[in-house]
Protein backbone atom coordinates (compact mmCIF):
# COMPACT_ATOMS: atom_id res chain seq x y z
CA MET A 1 110.88 134.09 92.77
CA ALA A 2 107.52 134.80 94.32
CA GLU A 3 105.96 134.59 97.72
CA SER A 4 103.89 131.43 98.20
CA GLY A 5 102.20 132.25 101.51
CA ALA A 6 98.79 132.31 99.78
CA LEU A 7 99.20 128.80 98.39
CA ALA A 8 96.24 126.62 99.38
CA GLY A 9 97.26 123.88 101.78
CA LEU A 10 100.74 125.22 102.57
CA ASP A 11 99.88 125.89 106.20
CA GLU A 12 98.99 122.22 106.76
CA VAL A 13 102.30 121.04 105.28
CA ALA A 14 104.26 123.78 107.02
CA THR A 15 102.91 122.68 110.41
CA VAL A 16 104.89 119.47 110.06
CA VAL A 17 107.89 120.79 108.16
CA THR A 18 108.55 124.18 109.78
CA PRO A 19 110.06 122.77 113.01
CA VAL A 20 112.38 120.68 110.84
CA ALA A 21 113.27 123.68 108.69
CA GLU A 22 113.98 125.83 111.73
CA THR A 23 116.30 123.14 113.09
CA PHE A 24 118.16 123.04 109.77
CA ALA A 25 118.36 126.85 109.64
CA ARG A 26 119.87 127.04 113.11
CA ALA A 27 122.53 124.60 111.90
CA GLY A 28 123.27 126.82 108.88
CA HIS A 29 121.40 124.77 106.26
CA ARG A 30 118.52 125.60 103.90
CA LEU A 31 115.50 123.34 103.37
CA PHE A 32 113.04 123.31 100.46
CA LEU A 33 109.79 121.54 99.65
CA VAL A 34 110.13 120.02 96.17
CA GLY A 35 108.45 117.64 93.75
CA GLY A 36 104.84 116.58 93.59
CA VAL A 37 103.76 118.28 96.78
CA VAL A 38 104.82 121.69 95.40
CA ARG A 39 103.16 121.02 92.06
CA ASP A 40 99.95 120.02 93.81
CA LEU A 41 100.09 123.06 96.08
CA LEU A 42 100.37 125.23 92.99
CA LEU A 43 97.49 123.41 91.30
CA ALA A 44 95.32 123.61 94.41
CA SER A 45 96.00 127.34 94.62
CA GLU A 46 95.17 127.88 90.94
CA GLN A 47 92.02 125.74 90.97
CA GLY A 48 90.75 126.50 94.46
CA THR A 49 90.70 122.80 95.34
CA ASP A 50 91.92 120.85 98.32
CA LEU A 51 95.47 119.55 98.36
CA PRO A 52 95.56 115.82 97.57
CA GLY A 53 97.37 113.61 100.07
CA ASN A 54 101.02 113.56 99.18
CA ASP A 55 104.25 112.42 100.74
CA VAL A 56 106.47 115.35 101.62
CA ASP A 57 109.75 115.55 99.70
CA LEU A 58 112.41 118.08 100.67
CA THR A 59 115.90 118.94 99.54
CA THR A 60 118.77 120.58 101.41
CA ASP A 61 122.44 121.47 101.16
CA ALA A 62 123.10 119.31 104.25
CA ARG A 63 124.79 115.96 103.63
CA PRO A 64 123.04 112.69 104.55
CA GLU A 65 124.90 112.19 107.84
CA GLN A 66 124.05 115.74 108.87
CA ILE A 67 120.38 115.19 107.91
CA LYS A 68 120.19 112.18 110.22
CA GLN A 69 121.75 114.07 113.11
CA LEU A 70 119.36 117.01 112.69
CA LEU A 71 116.30 114.77 112.44
CA GLU A 72 117.05 112.60 115.46
CA PRO A 73 115.50 114.92 118.09
CA LEU A 74 112.38 115.49 115.95
CA ALA A 75 111.52 112.18 114.32
CA ASP A 76 109.50 109.26 115.64
CA VAL A 77 111.49 106.97 113.35
CA ILE A 78 114.26 107.42 110.76
CA TRP A 79 115.07 105.17 107.83
CA ALA A 80 118.21 105.41 105.75
CA GLN A 81 117.84 102.85 102.96
CA GLY A 82 118.41 105.59 100.37
CA GLU A 83 121.37 107.15 102.15
CA ARG A 84 123.89 106.33 99.43
CA PHE A 85 121.68 108.31 97.04
CA GLY A 86 121.46 111.17 99.53
CA THR A 87 117.96 110.44 100.86
CA ILE A 88 116.94 110.08 104.51
CA GLY A 89 113.34 109.28 105.42
CA ALA A 90 111.57 110.00 108.68
CA ARG A 91 108.19 110.08 110.40
CA VAL A 92 107.61 113.51 111.90
CA GLY A 93 104.37 114.69 113.46
CA GLY A 94 102.52 111.69 112.07
CA ARG A 95 103.60 112.35 108.48
CA SER A 96 106.26 110.72 106.33
CA ILE A 97 108.93 113.00 104.91
CA GLU A 98 112.02 112.39 102.81
CA ILE A 99 114.95 114.78 102.75
CA THR A 100 117.51 114.51 99.97
CA THR A 101 120.79 116.35 99.61
CA HIS A 102 120.85 118.64 96.55
CA ARG A 103 121.94 116.56 93.59
CA ALA A 104 124.02 117.19 90.52
CA GLU A 105 123.79 114.01 88.50
CA ALA A 106 125.51 112.59 85.44
CA TYR A 107 124.26 109.57 83.50
CA ASP A 108 125.96 106.65 81.80
CA PRO A 109 124.63 106.75 78.21
CA ASP A 110 123.99 102.98 78.37
CA SER A 111 122.00 103.16 81.59
CA ARG A 112 119.30 105.31 83.20
CA LYS A 113 120.96 104.94 86.60
CA PRO A 114 122.58 108.23 87.60
CA VAL A 115 126.06 108.69 88.95
CA VAL A 116 125.06 110.68 92.01
CA SER A 117 127.08 113.62 93.18
CA PHE A 118 125.89 116.09 95.78
CA GLY A 119 125.36 119.77 95.07
CA ASP A 120 125.27 122.89 97.21
CA ASP A 121 122.47 125.00 95.71
CA ILE A 122 118.82 124.68 94.84
CA ALA A 123 119.23 125.97 91.28
CA GLY A 124 121.34 123.01 90.19
CA ASP A 125 118.99 120.58 91.90
CA LEU A 126 115.89 121.97 90.17
CA ALA A 127 117.60 121.93 86.78
CA ARG A 128 118.00 118.14 86.96
CA ARG A 129 114.30 117.45 87.51
CA ASP A 130 112.08 115.88 84.87
CA PHE A 131 109.59 118.64 83.97
CA THR A 132 109.25 122.32 84.74
CA VAL A 133 105.97 121.70 86.58
CA ASN A 134 108.01 119.58 88.99
CA ALA A 135 110.96 121.96 89.12
CA ALA A 136 109.71 124.52 91.62
CA ALA A 137 110.61 124.67 95.32
CA ILE A 138 109.20 126.34 98.42
CA GLU A 139 111.80 127.40 100.97
CA LEU A 140 110.94 126.86 104.61
CA PRO A 141 110.64 128.53 107.00
CA GLY A 142 109.18 131.54 105.24
CA GLY A 143 107.42 130.01 102.24
CA GLN A 144 109.37 131.68 99.42
CA LEU A 145 108.71 130.12 96.03
CA HIS A 146 111.74 129.35 93.82
CA ASP A 147 110.58 128.78 90.24
CA PRO A 148 113.53 129.41 87.90
CA HIS A 149 112.05 127.35 85.07
CA ARG A 150 108.59 128.99 85.14
CA GLY A 151 106.76 125.84 86.21
CA LEU A 152 103.87 127.87 87.63
CA VAL A 153 103.42 129.60 84.27
CA ASP A 154 103.48 126.23 82.51
CA LEU A 155 100.84 124.89 84.88
CA ARG A 156 98.64 127.88 84.15
CA GLU A 157 99.17 127.50 80.40
CA ARG A 158 98.95 123.69 80.59
CA LEU A 159 102.34 123.12 78.95
CA LEU A 160 104.73 120.21 79.48
CA ARG A 161 108.38 121.21 79.14
CA THR A 162 111.70 120.01 80.53
CA PRO A 163 114.04 122.32 82.52
CA LEU A 164 117.00 121.40 80.32
CA SER A 165 116.56 120.53 76.67
CA ALA A 166 114.21 117.59 76.15
CA GLU A 167 116.94 115.75 74.25
CA ILE A 168 119.32 115.98 77.21
CA SER A 169 116.59 115.11 79.71
CA PHE A 170 115.38 112.02 77.82
CA THR A 171 118.88 110.89 76.96
CA ASP A 172 119.78 111.05 80.64
CA ASP A 173 116.67 109.19 81.79
CA PRO A 174 114.48 107.60 79.07
CA LEU A 175 111.79 106.67 81.61
CA ARG A 176 110.87 110.36 81.62
CA MET A 177 109.28 109.83 78.20
CA LEU A 178 106.71 107.48 79.76
CA ARG A 179 106.25 109.85 82.68
CA ALA A 180 105.54 112.56 80.10
CA ALA A 181 102.62 110.50 78.79
CA ARG A 182 101.18 110.19 82.29
CA PHE A 183 101.56 113.92 83.04
CA ILE A 184 99.97 114.86 79.72
CA ALA A 185 96.94 112.74 80.56
CA ARG A 186 96.67 113.33 84.30
CA PHE A 187 97.03 117.11 84.29
CA GLY A 188 95.73 117.94 80.83
CA LEU A 189 99.10 119.25 79.63
CA THR A 190 100.18 119.86 76.03
CA PRO A 191 103.75 118.76 75.26
CA THR A 192 105.91 121.33 73.52
CA PRO A 193 107.00 120.48 69.95
CA ASP A 194 110.63 119.99 71.01
CA LEU A 195 109.55 117.53 73.69
CA VAL A 196 107.54 115.52 71.15
CA ALA A 197 110.43 115.61 68.68
CA ALA A 198 112.93 114.44 71.30
CA ALA A 199 110.68 111.58 72.43
CA THR A 200 110.20 110.49 68.82
CA GLU A 201 113.92 110.56 68.11
CA LEU A 202 114.88 108.82 71.35
CA ALA A 203 112.03 106.31 71.66
CA SER A 204 114.38 103.35 71.24
CA ARG A 205 116.30 104.42 74.35
CA LEU A 206 113.35 103.16 76.36
CA ASP A 207 114.81 99.69 75.77
CA ILE A 208 117.56 100.35 78.34
CA VAL A 209 114.97 100.91 81.09
CA SER A 210 114.13 97.94 83.28
CA VAL A 211 110.91 96.27 82.21
CA GLU A 212 109.60 96.53 85.77
CA ARG A 213 109.81 100.33 85.64
CA VAL A 214 108.14 100.37 82.21
CA ALA A 215 105.30 98.19 83.53
CA ASP A 216 104.91 100.42 86.57
CA GLU A 217 104.53 103.53 84.41
CA LEU A 218 102.12 101.72 82.09
CA GLU A 219 99.92 100.80 85.06
CA ARG A 220 100.02 104.38 86.33
CA LEU A 221 98.89 105.66 82.94
CA LEU A 222 96.12 103.05 82.76
CA ALA A 223 94.90 104.29 86.15
CA VAL A 224 94.59 107.95 85.09
CA ALA A 225 90.97 109.06 84.88
CA HIS A 226 91.27 110.13 81.22
CA PRO A 227 94.39 108.44 79.75
CA ARG A 228 93.63 108.95 76.04
CA THR A 229 96.00 111.88 75.42
CA GLY A 230 98.83 110.04 77.16
CA PHE A 231 98.39 106.96 74.99
CA GLU A 232 98.12 109.13 71.88
CA PHE A 233 101.49 110.63 72.83
CA LEU A 234 102.95 107.12 73.10
CA ARG A 235 101.48 106.20 69.72
CA LEU A 236 102.56 109.40 67.98
CA THR A 237 106.16 109.19 69.18
CA GLY A 238 106.60 105.44 68.56
CA LEU A 239 107.07 104.75 72.27
CA LEU A 240 104.07 102.40 72.27
CA ASP A 241 106.00 99.95 70.08
CA HIS A 242 108.67 99.74 72.77
CA VAL A 243 106.14 99.30 75.59
CA VAL A 244 104.22 96.57 73.74
CA PRO A 245 106.52 95.37 70.93
CA ALA A 246 103.93 92.93 69.59
CA LEU A 247 101.88 95.93 68.45
CA GLY A 248 104.80 97.25 66.44
CA ALA A 249 104.24 95.15 63.33
CA LEU A 250 100.48 95.66 63.11
CA GLY A 251 100.26 99.14 61.62
CA PRO A 252 98.73 102.50 62.57
CA ASP A 253 95.08 101.40 62.39
CA VAL A 254 95.65 98.68 64.98
CA HIS A 255 97.60 101.11 67.14
CA GLY A 256 94.67 103.50 67.09
CA ARG A 257 92.23 100.78 68.17
CA ALA A 258 94.57 99.64 70.95
CA VAL A 259 94.84 103.23 72.21
CA ALA A 260 91.05 103.64 72.13
CA LEU A 261 90.51 100.38 74.04
CA ALA A 262 93.13 101.33 76.63
CA SER A 263 91.51 104.71 77.18
CA VAL A 264 87.88 103.91 77.87
CA GLY A 265 86.23 105.71 80.71
CA PRO A 266 86.10 108.13 82.23
CA ALA A 267 86.98 106.51 85.51
CA SER A 268 83.99 106.34 87.77
CA ALA A 269 86.07 107.14 90.87
CA ALA A 270 89.00 109.52 90.78
CA ASP A 271 91.07 111.48 93.23
CA PRO A 272 91.47 115.27 92.85
CA GLY A 273 94.66 114.68 90.85
CA GLY A 274 92.84 112.68 88.22
CA VAL A 275 93.94 109.16 89.16
CA SER A 276 91.42 106.35 89.17
CA VAL A 277 91.31 104.02 92.13
CA ARG A 278 89.26 101.32 90.40
CA ASP A 279 91.32 98.17 89.95
CA GLY A 280 88.71 96.53 87.72
CA GLU A 281 88.78 99.40 85.25
CA VAL A 282 92.56 99.23 84.99
CA LEU A 283 92.24 95.50 84.21
CA VAL A 284 89.74 96.17 81.42
CA ARG A 285 91.95 98.89 79.95
CA ARG A 286 95.03 96.66 80.12
CA ALA A 287 93.14 93.88 78.35
CA GLY A 288 91.91 96.40 75.78
CA LEU A 289 95.45 97.54 75.00
CA LEU A 290 96.43 93.91 74.42
CA TRP A 291 93.27 92.87 72.55
CA PRO A 292 94.85 93.28 69.08
CA VAL A 293 97.70 90.95 70.18
CA ARG A 294 95.69 88.78 72.54
CA ALA A 295 97.34 85.58 71.35
CA GLU A 296 100.62 87.05 72.59
CA ALA A 297 99.24 88.79 75.68
CA THR A 298 100.66 86.31 78.18
CA GLY A 299 104.10 86.63 76.59
CA GLU A 300 103.95 90.42 76.60
CA LEU A 301 102.95 90.58 80.25
CA GLY A 302 105.61 88.03 81.11
CA ARG A 303 108.22 90.12 79.35
CA LEU A 304 107.15 93.11 81.43
CA ARG A 305 107.45 90.96 84.58
CA TYR A 306 103.82 91.29 85.58
CA SER A 307 102.87 89.07 88.48
CA LYS A 308 101.45 85.67 87.68
CA ALA A 309 98.14 86.71 89.24
CA GLU A 310 97.75 89.81 87.02
CA THR A 311 98.86 87.88 83.93
CA VAL A 312 96.25 85.20 84.62
CA ARG A 313 93.51 87.77 85.33
CA THR A 314 94.23 89.56 82.06
CA GLY A 315 94.41 86.33 80.07
CA HIS A 316 91.14 85.07 81.54
CA LEU A 317 89.41 88.34 80.73
CA LEU A 318 90.59 88.24 77.11
CA ARG A 319 89.53 84.60 76.78
CA ALA A 320 86.14 85.34 78.33
CA VAL A 321 85.46 88.01 75.73
CA GLU A 322 86.61 85.77 72.90
CA VAL A 323 84.37 82.90 74.05
CA GLY A 324 81.45 85.24 74.64
CA LEU A 325 81.71 86.62 71.10
CA GLU A 326 82.43 83.40 69.21
CA ALA A 327 78.77 82.40 68.85
CA GLU A 328 75.39 83.12 70.35
CA PRO A 329 76.20 82.49 74.02
CA GLY A 330 73.77 80.61 76.21
CA PRO A 331 73.35 80.63 79.99
CA ALA A 332 75.78 77.73 80.39
CA THR A 333 78.47 79.70 78.57
CA VAL A 334 78.04 82.70 80.84
CA ARG A 335 78.02 80.54 83.98
CA ARG A 336 81.17 78.77 82.84
CA LEU A 337 82.86 82.09 82.24
CA ALA A 338 81.76 83.27 85.69
CA SER A 339 83.35 80.14 87.17
CA GLU A 340 86.64 81.07 85.48
CA VAL A 341 86.82 84.84 85.94
CA GLY A 342 84.39 85.54 88.79
CA VAL A 343 81.51 88.00 88.72
CA ASP A 344 83.80 91.04 88.63
CA GLY A 345 85.64 89.49 85.70
CA LEU A 346 82.34 88.84 83.96
CA VAL A 347 81.39 92.50 84.36
CA GLY A 348 84.84 93.43 83.02
CA ALA A 349 84.34 91.14 80.03
CA ALA A 350 81.02 92.84 79.29
CA SER A 351 82.70 96.25 79.51
CA LEU A 352 85.48 95.23 77.14
CA ALA A 353 82.97 93.72 74.71
CA ILE A 354 81.02 97.00 74.66
CA ASN A 355 84.25 98.88 74.04
CA LEU A 356 85.04 96.55 71.14
CA VAL A 357 81.76 97.55 69.51
CA GLU A 358 82.71 101.21 69.81
CA VAL A 359 85.96 100.69 67.87
CA GLY A 360 84.39 98.38 65.27
CA GLU A 361 85.93 95.16 66.59
CA ALA A 362 82.71 93.32 67.50
CA ASP A 363 79.14 92.91 66.30
CA HIS A 364 76.71 95.15 68.17
CA HIS A 365 73.83 92.65 68.29
CA ARG A 366 76.02 89.82 69.56
CA VAL A 367 77.51 91.97 72.29
CA ARG A 368 74.07 93.26 73.29
CA ARG A 369 72.87 89.65 73.62
CA LEU A 370 75.92 88.78 75.76
CA VAL A 371 75.45 91.79 78.04
CA GLU A 372 71.72 91.19 78.41
CA LEU A 373 72.35 87.55 79.29
CA ILE A 374 74.97 88.49 81.89
CA ASP A 375 72.56 91.03 83.44
CA GLN A 376 69.70 88.53 83.43
CA LEU A 377 71.68 85.74 85.09
CA ALA A 378 73.27 88.09 87.62
CA ALA A 379 69.80 89.29 88.63
CA ASN A 380 68.30 85.81 88.99
CA GLU A 381 71.17 83.63 90.20
CA ASP A 382 74.08 83.81 92.60
CA LEU A 383 76.94 83.56 90.12
CA THR A 384 79.44 83.64 92.96
CA ASP A 385 78.24 80.16 94.00
CA LEU A 386 78.31 77.66 91.15
CA ASP A 387 78.65 74.54 93.25
CA GLY A 388 75.79 72.14 93.86
CA PRO A 389 73.72 72.38 97.05
CA LEU A 390 75.27 69.27 98.66
CA SER A 391 78.38 69.23 100.81
CA GLY A 392 81.04 66.57 100.66
CA ALA A 393 79.70 65.00 103.84
CA GLU A 394 76.18 64.86 102.36
CA VAL A 395 77.51 63.23 99.20
CA MET A 396 79.34 60.58 101.23
CA ASP A 397 76.20 59.86 103.23
CA LEU A 398 73.97 59.68 100.14
CA LEU A 399 76.26 57.41 98.12
CA ASP A 400 77.73 55.52 101.08
CA LEU A 401 81.28 56.63 100.19
CA GLU A 402 84.46 56.97 102.18
CA PRO A 403 86.58 60.12 101.77
CA GLY A 404 88.51 59.95 98.50
CA PRO A 405 88.57 60.84 94.78
CA GLU A 406 85.02 59.61 94.12
CA VAL A 407 83.62 62.28 96.41
CA GLY A 408 85.47 64.93 94.40
CA ARG A 409 84.11 63.50 91.15
CA ALA A 410 80.58 63.58 92.51
CA LEU A 411 80.92 67.21 93.59
CA ALA A 412 82.40 68.09 90.17
CA HIS A 413 79.39 66.43 88.51
CA LEU A 414 77.02 68.55 90.58
CA ARG A 415 78.99 71.66 89.67
CA GLN A 416 78.75 70.79 85.99
CA LEU A 417 74.99 70.33 86.31
CA ARG A 418 74.74 73.68 88.09
CA ILE A 419 76.59 75.39 85.23
CA GLU A 420 74.59 73.68 82.50
CA ARG A 421 71.10 73.85 84.00
CA GLY A 422 71.16 76.59 86.60
CA PRO A 423 70.43 76.39 90.32
CA LEU A 424 69.42 72.98 91.72
CA ASP A 425 67.43 72.40 94.88
CA VAL A 426 68.51 69.70 97.30
CA GLY A 427 65.96 67.17 96.06
CA GLN A 428 67.00 67.63 92.42
CA ALA A 429 70.65 67.37 93.34
CA ARG A 430 70.16 64.14 95.30
CA ALA A 431 68.14 62.52 92.50
CA GLU A 432 70.61 63.56 89.80
CA LEU A 433 73.55 62.34 91.84
CA VAL A 434 71.98 58.94 92.53
CA ASP A 435 71.21 58.46 88.83
CA TRP A 436 74.76 59.48 87.91
CA TRP A 437 76.24 57.10 90.48
CA ARG A 438 74.11 54.17 89.30
CA SER A 439 75.21 54.75 85.73
CA ARG A 440 78.80 54.37 86.86
CA THR A 441 78.42 51.22 88.89
């Protein structure tokens, strides 16, 4: 144990939590800050940086019903959706907190869902956590640091270890193997040899984890500012084959290219914890990971239960790059792609194409031509507006039409002309439309 009063940012957290802790202490219960907020406090103290925004997680020996009773006089609102797992949430002093009864869990070997039982001491609770860097606690009031598994030392030495043996930890909850990849990348940690060995041996246990949780962890890794080391961990241990099974049969060279394409960056905007907030970059990285199996990308994303919108966005981006690289693209090709994927998607396609050059998957001169053409058109045209300059009402007036399908066909014709020839002024559009209409009648 060590005193944590000098930890950067603790005073700000303690302002909210101390009144709660004092209430618990008067009732004969102990209260501890745990989880990410403690890790980030330790990091902020070591690095001299500000504490990133973080929800406040606490643990106590009080049981859920007692937690609710103690919070009632202090909280603006209380929610108890997690009560059967021992967790009570509340809004106190304008900040969200969650308080969970100390846990001592056992796992069904065929499931990652724990059989929850409540414990009475902090030591047992910390032992069940995923990694030592997350297995420290700060007792409040007072600010005493409890670090039985030397998480602070591991943070200083940039090591990733588990409190219990890695084999037990990953057998209990296989999702921790994917979390390991994210922590390796986000915090620049080196996994211990026994952790790597356990993940390699137990990689197939990832198959019992719900695909939604796997997809969520994959997205979190894709959003890390520098994800390369995390993806290398997935590749080295064989976990990548269980995240994207279609990659499994393609061999180590393809795996290496997929990892490189999923790791491009660095992120141009990141929070102090190393997490990118750029949605477009995550999309490009996701498409890069799937580029070697792009014919199966829709199926892979469907298997992982990605939303239809994200599946379509990824598929369109992959198709845009394929079309852009098939032959010497002309302006009409780029405009058509812009109509399908939008300007942001077009920029993403250019980024992925450049990344393909870097891993030897595309011709440099062809990609340079594509990127130059995209830049040129974006500078000289409004690629967000690929419709003709006439409204439906103007088309009806010009061609003496009533509302109906013919108006839609006329507008589609103008759009096609806009894509093929570039911007049209009103006079050109009217003349072209009259000629088109005469040829039909």
